[in-house]
Amino acid sequence: MLNFFRTIRKNLIEQANVRKYLLYAIGEILLVVIGILIALQFNTWKEERQHQLSEQTFYQTILDDLENDQKKMKHLSTFYKNRIENLSWLLNRVRNPDLGVKPEEFGIHTEPLYYNESAISFDATFEAAKSGGAFEKFSNKELLKKLVEYYSNFKQREDVLSSTLRFLENSFEPLMAAVPNDFLTEKTSDQVLTSDGNKGFYTLMESIQDQRNIDTQKQIENFLQETEFESYLIGDLGRSFNMTSQLELRSTQIMSLQEEIKSYLYD
């Protein structure tokens, strides 16, 4: 092909046909320009395709992360509903002494209150894409905006969980220090909902017999009439109800995001 054009150019020069030579030169330049434009267009299309595939891979992985987040929400929801049941049970005994409380019952309903869940967000995919500058090349800005808002709101849940932990350490544990713990048995761990479980601890506590002459029943009855304990129960209930409401909102937000992402990927 190049030899063909060289031959034409040589013939035009030899014929001293300036007009035809100029037209040929212009045509050759246009062909080169068109070739460059086609190459640039192809490269642009290739880059856009790569960005599109990268965005699709990102959202497919995000779907897995959201599914893990949803499982965590369900676990936390069960945890706080269980907490509310125990707190309500105790508050009923505080305000109605005639119901009576046996030491083992007291242990079953107070032991779960020592525990708190940690704040976990499955955001590795999101943070990696964010720090890598991938968001600038994503086309669905509206969906991305909702995803950014979702992960930003995690800080609110983290703050609530951290606040609950501080409340336990500063209020509940010092308050409970006045009550004998000789009622701790394997059975008192039945309502303790933690990820790793701790049956071994309660089995050990049950194996160490208390040889002291303590009227645990009487001490618990007196403890239930302390106004500080009632105040604690009410405060913990308020925090727990607040958390369950936030968990419901976040769970709804997850489902909405999942639907939008699936619609974007597959529709």
C-alpha atoms as a PDB file:
ATOM      1  CA  MET A   1       0.000   0.000   0.000  1.00  0.00           C
ATOM      2  CA  LEU A   2       2.823   2.404   0.887  1.00  0.00           C
ATOM      3  CA  ASN A   3       4.602   1.566  -2.385  1.00  0.00           C
ATOM      4  CA  PHE A   4       1.371   2.378  -4.251  1.00  0.00           C
ATOM      5  CA  PHE A   5       1.207   5.864  -2.730  1.00  0.00           C
ATOM      6  CA  ARG A   6       4.917   6.447  -3.340  1.00  0.00           C
ATOM      7  CA  THR A   7       4.468   5.567  -6.999  1.00  0.00           C
ATOM      8  CA  ILE A   8       1.561   8.027  -7.387  1.00  0.00           C
ATOM      9  CA  ARG A   9       3.532  10.747  -5.663  1.00  0.00           C
ATOM     10  CA  LYS A  10       6.593  10.112  -7.887  1.00  0.00           C
ATOM     11  CA  ASN A  11       4.523  10.226 -11.065  1.00  0.00           C
ATOM     12  CA  LEU A  12       2.844  13.493 -10.068  1.00  0.00           C
ATOM     13  CA  ILE A  13       6.195  15.105  -9.285  1.00  0.00           C
ATOM     14  CA  GLU A  14       7.697  13.920 -12.559  1.00  0.00           C
ATOM     15  CA  GLN A  15       4.672  15.276 -14.455  1.00  0.00           C
ATOM     16  CA  ALA A  16       5.077  18.607 -12.638  1.00  0.00           C
ATOM     17  CA  ASN A  17       1.331  18.600 -11.975  1.00  0.00           C
ATOM     18  CA  VAL A  18       1.313  20.810  -8.897  1.00  0.00           C
ATOM     19  CA  ARG A  19      -2.473  20.982  -8.562  1.00  0.00           C
ATOM     20  CA  LYS A  20      -2.929  17.227  -8.604  1.00  0.00           C
ATOM     21  CA  TYR A  21       0.035  16.781  -6.278  1.00  0.00           C
ATOM     22  CA  LEU A  22      -1.446  19.165  -3.720  1.00  0.00           C
ATOM     23  CA  LEU A  23      -4.785  17.369  -3.870  1.00  0.00           C
ATOM     24  CA  TYR A  24      -2.999  14.087  -3.383  1.00  0.00           C
ATOM     25  CA  ALA A  25      -1.003  15.484  -0.438  1.00  0.00           C
ATOM     26  CA  ILE A  26      -4.154  16.787   1.195  1.00  0.00           C
ATOM     27  CA  GLY A  27      -5.863  13.440   0.696  1.00  0.00           C
ATOM     28  CA  GLU A  28      -2.921  11.615   2.193  1.00  0.00           C
ATOM     29  CA  ILE A  29      -2.955  13.927   5.226  1.00  0.00           C
ATOM     30  CA  LEU A  30      -6.692  13.368   5.625  1.00  0.00           C
ATOM     31  CA  LEU A  31      -6.171   9.606   5.540  1.00  0.00           C
ATOM     32  CA  VAL A  32      -3.507   9.890   8.237  1.00  0.00           C
ATOM     33  CA  VAL A  33      -5.768  12.105  10.376  1.00  0.00           C
ATOM     34  CA  ILE A  34      -8.697   9.737   9.918  1.00  0.00           C
ATOM     35  CA  GLY A  35      -6.467   6.837  10.910  1.00  0.00           C
ATOM     36  CA  ILE A  36      -5.338   8.661  14.042  1.00  0.00           C
ATOM     37  CA  LEU A  37      -8.918   9.568  14.945  1.00  0.00           C
ATOM     38  CA  ILE A  38     -10.019   5.954  14.496  1.00  0.00           C
ATOM     39  CA  ALA A  39      -7.151   4.782  16.699  1.00  0.00           C
ATOM     40  CA  LEU A  40      -8.008   7.361  19.365  1.00  0.00           C
ATOM     41  CA  GLN A  41     -11.683   6.433  19.203  1.00  0.00           C
ATOM     42  CA  PHE A  42     -10.797   2.779  19.584  1.00  0.00           C
ATOM     43  CA  ASN A  43      -8.580   3.510  22.573  1.00  0.00           C
ATOM     44  CA  THR A  44     -11.332   5.648  24.115  1.00  0.00           C
ATOM     45  CA  TRP A  45     -13.869   2.858  23.609  1.00  0.00           C
ATOM     46  CA  LYS A  46     -11.426   0.351  25.066  1.00  0.00           C
ATOM     47  CA  GLU A  47     -10.842   2.509  28.157  1.00  0.00           C
ATOM     48  CA  GLU A  48     -14.568   3.107  28.613  1.00  0.00           C
ATOM     49  CA  ARG A  49     -15.184  -0.614  28.345  1.00  0.00           C
ATOM     50  CA  GLN A  50     -12.519  -1.302  30.947  1.00  0.00           C
ATOM     51  CA  HIS A  51     -14.048   1.306  33.279  1.00  0.00           C
ATOM     52  CA  GLN A  52     -17.474  -0.240  32.744  1.00  0.00           C
ATOM     53  CA  LEU A  53     -16.205  -3.722  33.571  1.00  0.00           C
ATOM     54  CA  SER A  54     -14.383  -2.348  36.613  1.00  0.00           C
ATOM     55  CA  GLU A  55     -17.569  -0.655  37.816  1.00  0.00           C
ATOM     56  CA  GLN A  56     -19.608  -3.832  37.313  1.00  0.00           C
ATOM     57  CA  THR A  57     -17.036  -5.894  39.226  1.00  0.00           C
ATOM     58  CA  PHE A  58     -17.098  -3.303  42.009  1.00  0.00           C
ATOM     59  CA  TYR A  59     -20.885  -3.461  42.415  1.00  0.00           C
ATOM     60  CA  GLN A  60     -20.940  -7.262  42.212  1.00  0.00           C
ATOM     61  CA  THR A  61     -18.463  -7.395  45.106  1.00  0.00           C
ATOM     62  CA  ILE A  62     -20.418  -4.709  46.973  1.00  0.00           C
ATOM     63  CA  LEU A  63     -23.476  -6.985  46.794  1.00  0.00           C
ATOM     64  CA  ASP A  64     -21.511  -9.629  48.727  1.00  0.00           C
ATOM     65  CA  ASP A  65     -20.426  -7.020  51.280  1.00  0.00           C
ATOM     66  CA  LEU A  66     -23.999  -5.802  51.716  1.00  0.00           C
ATOM     67  CA  GLU A  67     -25.168  -9.375  52.248  1.00  0.00           C
ATOM     68  CA  ASN A  68     -22.597  -9.755  55.044  1.00  0.00           C
ATOM     69  CA  ASP A  69     -23.737  -6.414  56.473  1.00  0.00           C
ATOM     70  CA  GLN A  70     -27.331  -7.652  56.431  1.00  0.00           C
ATOM     71  CA  LYS A  71     -26.357 -10.800  58.351  1.00  0.00           C
ATOM     72  CA  LYS A  72     -24.625  -8.616  60.928  1.00  0.00           C
ATOM     73  CA  MET A  73     -27.747  -6.438  61.209  1.00  0.00           C
ATOM     74  CA  LYS A  74     -29.873  -9.524  61.877  1.00  0.00           C
ATOM     75  CA  HIS A  75     -27.457 -10.709  64.558  1.00  0.00           C
ATOM     76  CA  LEU A  76     -27.406  -7.289  66.217  1.00  0.00           C
ATOM     77  CA  SER A  77     -31.197  -7.076  66.038  1.00  0.00           C
ATOM     78  CA  THR A  78     -31.506 -10.431  67.835  1.00  0.00           C
ATOM     79  CA  PHE A  79     -28.901  -9.304  70.371  1.00  0.00           C
ATOM     80  CA  TYR A  80     -30.738  -6.080  71.266  1.00  0.00           C
ATOM     81  CA  LYS A  81     -34.189  -7.659  71.303  1.00  0.00           C
ATOM     82  CA  ASN A  82     -32.820 -10.205  73.760  1.00  0.00           C
ATOM     83  CA  ARG A  83     -31.351  -7.358  75.809  1.00  0.00           C
ATOM     84  CA  ILE A  84     -34.687  -5.522  75.898  1.00  0.00           C
ATOM     85  CA  GLU A  85     -36.436  -8.705  77.103  1.00  0.00           C
ATOM     86  CA  ASN A  86     -33.958  -9.131  79.962  1.00  0.00           C
ATOM     87  CA  LEU A  87     -34.082  -5.474  80.965  1.00  0.00           C
ATOM     88  CA  SER A  88     -37.879  -5.491  80.910  1.00  0.00           C
ATOM     89  CA  TRP A  89     -37.998  -8.646  83.009  1.00  0.00           C
ATOM     90  CA  LEU A  90     -35.743  -7.070  85.636  1.00  0.00           C
ATOM     91  CA  LEU A  91     -37.620  -3.759  85.645  1.00  0.00           C
ATOM     92  CA  ASN A  92     -40.867  -5.635  86.288  1.00  0.00           C
ATOM     93  CA  ARG A  93     -39.263  -7.272  89.358  1.00  0.00           C
ATOM     94  CA  VAL A  94     -37.920  -3.942  90.562  1.00  0.00           C
ATOM     95  CA  ARG A  95     -41.335  -2.300  90.407  1.00  0.00           C
ATOM     96  CA  ASN A  96     -43.279  -5.329  91.612  1.00  0.00           C
ATOM     97  CA  PRO A  97     -41.391  -6.971  94.511  1.00  0.00           C
ATOM     98  CA  ASP A  98     -44.214  -9.482  94.999  1.00  0.00           C
ATOM     99  CA  LEU A  99     -43.100 -11.285  91.828  1.00  0.00           C
ATOM    100  CA  GLY A 100     -39.964 -12.457  93.616  1.00  0.00           C
ATOM    101  CA  VAL A 101     -36.586 -13.311  92.100  1.00  0.00           C
ATOM    102  CA  LYS A 102     -34.483 -16.406  92.701  1.00  0.00           C
ATOM    103  CA  PRO A 103     -30.681 -15.968  92.488  1.00  0.00           C
ATOM    104  CA  GLU A 104     -30.369 -18.169  89.414  1.00  0.00           C
ATOM    105  CA  GLU A 105     -33.171 -16.236  87.668  1.00  0.00           C
ATOM    106  CA  PHE A 106     -31.401 -12.997  88.523  1.00  0.00           C
ATOM    107  CA  GLY A 107     -28.191 -14.366  87.008  1.00  0.00           C
ATOM    108  CA  ILE A 108     -29.909 -15.550  83.835  1.00  0.00           C
ATOM    109  CA  HIS A 109     -31.317 -12.085  83.177  1.00  0.00           C
ATOM    110  CA  THR A 110     -28.348  -9.964  84.276  1.00  0.00           C
ATOM    111  CA  GLU A 111     -25.436 -11.883  82.718  1.00  0.00           C
ATOM    112  CA  PRO A 112     -26.365 -10.949  79.118  1.00  0.00           C
ATOM    113  CA  LEU A 113     -26.232  -7.274  80.142  1.00  0.00           C
ATOM    114  CA  TYR A 114     -22.468  -7.492  80.707  1.00  0.00           C
ATOM    115  CA  TYR A 115     -21.908  -8.014  77.002  1.00  0.00           C
ATOM    116  CA  ASN A 116     -21.919  -5.677  74.046  1.00  0.00           C
ATOM    117  CA  GLU A 117     -21.463  -6.199  70.315  1.00  0.00           C
ATOM    118  CA  SER A 118     -18.664  -4.568  68.338  1.00  0.00           C
ATOM    119  CA  ALA A 119     -19.249  -2.262  65.380  1.00  0.00           C
ATOM    120  CA  ILE A 120     -18.307  -4.019  62.141  1.00  0.00           C
ATOM    121  CA  SER A 121     -18.757  -2.789  58.585  1.00  0.00           C
ATOM    122  CA  PHE A 122     -17.808  -4.839  55.530  1.00  0.00           C
ATOM    123  CA  ASP A 123     -16.421  -1.871  53.618  1.00  0.00           C
ATOM    124  CA  ALA A 124     -13.051  -3.106  52.288  1.00  0.00           C
ATOM    125  CA  THR A 125     -14.232  -3.042  48.651  1.00  0.00           C
ATOM    126  CA  PHE A 126     -15.697   0.447  48.994  1.00  0.00           C
ATOM    127  CA  GLU A 127     -12.643   1.895  50.749  1.00  0.00           C
ATOM    128  CA  ALA A 128     -10.213   0.329  48.239  1.00  0.00           C
ATOM    129  CA  ALA A 129     -12.109   1.807  45.277  1.00  0.00           C
ATOM    130  CA  LYS A 130     -12.419   5.164  47.028  1.00  0.00           C
ATOM    131  CA  SER A 131      -8.722   5.452  47.887  1.00  0.00           C
ATOM    132  CA  GLY A 132      -7.761   4.252  44.396  1.00  0.00           C
ATOM    133  CA  GLY A 133      -9.723   7.033  42.697  1.00  0.00           C
ATOM    134  CA  ALA A 134     -11.989   4.582  40.863  1.00  0.00           C
ATOM    135  CA  PHE A 135     -15.153   6.558  41.646  1.00  0.00           C
ATOM    136  CA  GLU A 136     -14.201   9.352  39.231  1.00  0.00           C
ATOM    137  CA  LYS A 137     -14.615   6.967  36.300  1.00  0.00           C
ATOM    138  CA  PHE A 138     -17.900   5.374  37.422  1.00  0.00           C
ATOM    139  CA  SER A 139     -20.904   6.316  35.288  1.00  0.00           C
ATOM    140  CA  ASN A 140     -23.792   5.780  37.732  1.00  0.00           C
ATOM    141  CA  LYS A 141     -23.196   8.787  39.987  1.00  0.00           C
ATOM    142  CA  GLU A 142     -26.614   8.615  41.654  1.00  0.00           C
ATOM    143  CA  LEU A 143     -26.112   5.034  42.848  1.00  0.00           C
ATOM    144  CA  LEU A 144     -22.573   5.850  43.939  1.00  0.00           C
ATOM    145  CA  LYS A 145     -23.873   8.817  45.954  1.00  0.00           C
ATOM    146  CA  LYS A 146     -26.277   6.541  47.855  1.00  0.00           C
ATOM    147  CA  LEU A 147     -23.495   4.063  48.526  1.00  0.00           C
ATOM    148  CA  VAL A 148     -21.216   6.808  49.857  1.00  0.00           C
ATOM    149  CA  GLU A 149     -24.027   7.957  52.166  1.00  0.00           C
ATOM    150  CA  TYR A 150     -24.594   4.388  53.363  1.00  0.00           C
ATOM    151  CA  TYR A 151     -20.984   3.846  54.393  1.00  0.00           C
ATOM    152  CA  SER A 152     -20.716   7.341  55.887  1.00  0.00           C
ATOM    153  CA  ASN A 153     -23.698   6.627  58.151  1.00  0.00           C
ATOM    154  CA  PHE A 154     -21.891   3.675  59.711  1.00  0.00           C
ATOM    155  CA  LYS A 155     -20.139   6.119  62.035  1.00  0.00           C
ATOM    156  CA  GLN A 156     -23.457   6.794  63.766  1.00  0.00           C
ATOM    157  CA  ARG A 157     -23.939   3.098  64.606  1.00  0.00           C
ATOM    158  CA  GLU A 158     -20.344   2.848  65.730  1.00  0.00           C
ATOM    159  CA  ASP A 159     -20.833   5.776  68.102  1.00  0.00           C
ATOM    160  CA  VAL A 160     -23.973   4.190  69.630  1.00  0.00           C
ATOM    161  CA  LEU A 161     -22.210   0.864  70.198  1.00  0.00           C
ATOM    162  CA  SER A 162     -19.198   2.614  71.702  1.00  0.00           C
ATOM    163  CA  SER A 163     -21.504   4.646  73.952  1.00  0.00           C
ATOM    164  CA  THR A 164     -23.205   1.448  75.152  1.00  0.00           C
ATOM    165  CA  LEU A 165     -19.833  -0.091  75.979  1.00  0.00           C
ATOM    166  CA  ARG A 166     -18.796   2.967  78.018  1.00  0.00           C
ATOM    167  CA  PHE A 167     -22.175   2.887  79.769  1.00  0.00           C
ATOM    168  CA  LEU A 168     -21.570  -0.745  80.764  1.00  0.00           C
ATOM    169  CA  GLU A 169     -18.070  -0.082  82.038  1.00  0.00           C
ATOM    170  CA  ASN A 170     -18.903   3.116  83.920  1.00  0.00           C
ATOM    171  CA  SER A 171     -22.373   2.325  85.246  1.00  0.00           C
ATOM    172  CA  PHE A 172     -23.432  -1.294  85.099  1.00  0.00           C
ATOM    173  CA  GLU A 173     -20.287  -3.108  86.204  1.00  0.00           C
ATOM    174  CA  PRO A 174     -19.641  -0.868  89.270  1.00  0.00           C
ATOM    175  CA  LEU A 175     -23.315  -1.168  90.205  1.00  0.00           C
ATOM    176  CA  MET A 176     -23.278  -4.969  90.029  1.00  0.00           C
ATOM    177  CA  ALA A 177     -20.096  -5.203  92.101  1.00  0.00           C
ATOM    178  CA  ALA A 178     -22.266  -4.973  95.244  1.00  0.00           C
ATOM    179  CA  VAL A 179     -24.088  -8.230  94.408  1.00  0.00           C
ATOM    180  CA  PRO A 180     -22.609 -11.703  95.148  1.00  0.00           C
ATOM    181  CA  ASN A 181     -21.993 -13.753  92.011  1.00  0.00           C
ATOM    182  CA  ASP A 182     -22.276 -17.224  93.517  1.00  0.00           C
ATOM    183  CA  PHE A 183     -25.316 -17.929  91.312  1.00  0.00           C
ATOM    184  CA  LEU A 184     -23.247 -18.116  88.115  1.00  0.00           C
ATOM    185  CA  THR A 185     -23.773 -21.497  86.466  1.00  0.00           C
ATOM    186  CA  GLU A 186     -23.721 -22.925  82.961  1.00  0.00           C
ATOM    187  CA  LYS A 187     -27.461 -22.218  82.801  1.00  0.00           C
ATOM    188  CA  THR A 188     -26.966 -18.481  83.371  1.00  0.00           C
ATOM    189  CA  SER A 189     -25.132 -18.286  80.043  1.00  0.00           C
ATOM    190  CA  ASP A 190     -28.141 -19.487  78.027  1.00  0.00           C
ATOM    191  CA  GLN A 191     -29.199 -15.972  77.004  1.00  0.00           C
ATOM    192  CA  VAL A 192     -25.704 -14.591  76.503  1.00  0.00           C
ATOM    193  CA  LEU A 193     -25.575 -13.987  72.764  1.00  0.00           C
ATOM    194  CA  THR A 194     -22.001 -13.475  71.627  1.00  0.00           C
ATOM    195  CA  SER A 195     -20.272 -14.430  68.428  1.00  0.00           C
ATOM    196  CA  ASP A 196     -17.647 -16.687  70.010  1.00  0.00           C
ATOM    197  CA  GLY A 197     -19.611 -18.089  72.926  1.00  0.00           C
ATOM    198  CA  ASN A 198     -18.266 -18.503  76.459  1.00  0.00           C
ATOM    199  CA  LYS A 199     -19.778 -21.659  77.955  1.00  0.00           C
ATOM    200  CA  GLY A 200     -16.394 -22.573  79.389  1.00  0.00           C
ATOM    201  CA  PHE A 201     -16.362 -19.535  81.673  1.00  0.00           C
ATOM    202  CA  TYR A 202     -19.746 -20.375  83.225  1.00  0.00           C
ATOM    203  CA  THR A 203     -18.863 -24.041  83.548  1.00  0.00           C
ATOM    204  CA  LEU A 204     -15.764 -23.020  85.514  1.00  0.00           C
ATOM    205  CA  MET A 205     -17.771 -20.659  87.740  1.00  0.00           C
ATOM    206  CA  GLU A 206     -20.222 -23.463  88.514  1.00  0.00           C
ATOM    207  CA  SER A 207     -17.374 -25.831  89.422  1.00  0.00           C
ATOM    208  CA  ILE A 208     -15.962 -23.438  92.074  1.00  0.00           C
ATOM    209  CA  GLN A 209     -18.334 -23.852  95.012  1.00  0.00           C
ATOM    210  CA  ASP A 210     -18.969 -20.864  97.281  1.00  0.00           C
ATOM    211  CA  GLN A 211     -18.291 -21.853 100.899  1.00  0.00           C
ATOM    212  CA  ARG A 212     -19.179 -18.434 102.320  1.00  0.00           C
ATOM    213  CA  ASN A 213     -22.249 -17.998 104.478  1.00  0.00           C
ATOM    214  CA  ILE A 214     -24.004 -15.390 102.285  1.00  0.00           C
ATOM    215  CA  ASP A 215     -27.756 -14.890 102.000  1.00  0.00           C
ATOM    216  CA  THR A 216     -27.676 -14.198  98.256  1.00  0.00           C
ATOM    217  CA  GLN A 217     -31.466 -14.228  98.008  1.00  0.00           C
ATOM    218  CA  LYS A 218     -31.794 -11.434 100.562  1.00  0.00           C
ATOM    219  CA  GLN A 219     -29.014  -9.350  99.026  1.00  0.00           C
ATOM    220  CA  ILE A 220     -30.588  -9.560  95.588  1.00  0.00           C
ATOM    221  CA  GLU A 221     -33.997  -8.555  96.938  1.00  0.00           C
ATOM    222  CA  ASN A 222     -32.431  -5.505  98.601  1.00  0.00           C
ATOM    223  CA  PHE A 223     -30.438  -4.687  95.483  1.00  0.00           C
ATOM    224  CA  LEU A 224     -33.566  -4.663  93.327  1.00  0.00           C
ATOM    225  CA  GLN A 225     -34.962  -1.858  95.454  1.00  0.00           C
ATOM    226  CA  GLU A 226     -31.978   0.405  94.827  1.00  0.00           C
ATOM    227  CA  THR A 227     -33.048   3.390  92.731  1.00  0.00           C
ATOM    228  CA  GLU A 228     -29.668   3.370  90.971  1.00  0.00           C
ATOM    229  CA  PHE A 229     -30.465  -0.066  89.508  1.00  0.00           C
ATOM    230  CA  GLU A 230     -33.845   1.089  88.276  1.00  0.00           C
ATOM    231  CA  SER A 231     -32.214   4.130  86.651  1.00  0.00           C
ATOM    232  CA  TYR A 232     -29.679   1.905  84.959  1.00  0.00           C
ATOM    233  CA  LEU A 233     -32.362  -0.418  83.564  1.00  0.00           C
ATOM    234  CA  ILE A 234     -34.318   2.524  82.136  1.00  0.00           C
ATOM    235  CA  GLY A 235     -31.188   4.059  80.589  1.00  0.00           C
ATOM    236  CA  ASP A 236     -30.126   0.772  79.021  1.00  0.00           C
ATOM    237  CA  LEU A 237     -33.633   0.196  77.677  1.00  0.00           C
ATOM    238  CA  GLY A 238     -33.593   3.613  76.025  1.00  0.00           C
ATOM    239  CA  ARG A 239     -30.267   2.919  74.343  1.00  0.00           C
ATOM    240  CA  SER A 240     -31.395  -0.543  73.237  1.00  0.00           C
ATOM    241  CA  PHE A 241     -34.628   0.721  71.695  1.00  0.00           C
ATOM    242  CA  ASN A 242     -32.662   3.460  69.934  1.00  0.00           C
ATOM    243  CA  MET A 243     -30.287   0.865  68.521  1.00  0.00           C
ATOM    244  CA  THR A 244     -33.042  -1.452  67.289  1.00  0.00           C
ATOM    245  CA  SER A 245     -34.617   1.477  65.439  1.00  0.00           C
ATOM    246  CA  GLN A 246     -31.296   2.327  63.798  1.00  0.00           C
ATOM    247  CA  LEU A 247     -30.759  -1.312  62.851  1.00  0.00           C
ATOM    248  CA  GLU A 248     -34.175  -1.461  61.185  1.00  0.00           C
ATOM    249  CA  LEU A 249     -33.395   1.665  59.173  1.00  0.00           C
ATOM    250  CA  ARG A 250     -30.004   0.336  58.113  1.00  0.00           C
ATOM    251  CA  SER A 251     -31.472  -3.038  57.159  1.00  0.00           C
ATOM    252  CA  THR A 252     -34.057  -1.256  54.979  1.00  0.00           C
ATOM    253  CA  GLN A 253     -31.291   0.838  53.442  1.00  0.00           C
ATOM    254  CA  ILE A 254     -29.316  -2.312  52.624  1.00  0.00           C
ATOM    255  CA  MET A 255     -32.278  -3.924  50.871  1.00  0.00           C
ATOM    256  CA  SER A 256     -32.896  -0.759  48.847  1.00  0.00           C
ATOM    257  CA  LEU A 257     -29.246  -0.614  47.765  1.00  0.00           C
ATOM    258  CA  GLN A 258     -29.254  -4.287  46.840  1.00  0.00           C
ATOM    259  CA  GLU A 259     -32.299  -3.807  44.611  1.00  0.00           C
ATOM    260  CA  GLU A 260     -30.818  -0.747  42.880  1.00  0.00           C
ATOM    261  CA  ILE A 261     -27.463  -2.424  42.289  1.00  0.00           C
ATOM    262  CA  LYS A 262     -29.081  -5.563  40.865  1.00  0.00           C
ATOM    263  CA  SER A 263     -31.287  -3.416  38.622  1.00  0.00           C
ATOM    264  CA  TYR A 264     -28.222  -1.521  37.378  1.00  0.00           C
ATOM    265  CA  LEU A 265     -26.227  -4.682  36.736  1.00  0.00           C
ATOM    266  CA  TYR A 266     -28.804  -7.018  35.286  1.00  0.00           C
ATOM    267  CA  ASP A 267     -31.718  -5.008  33.834  1.00  0.00           C
END
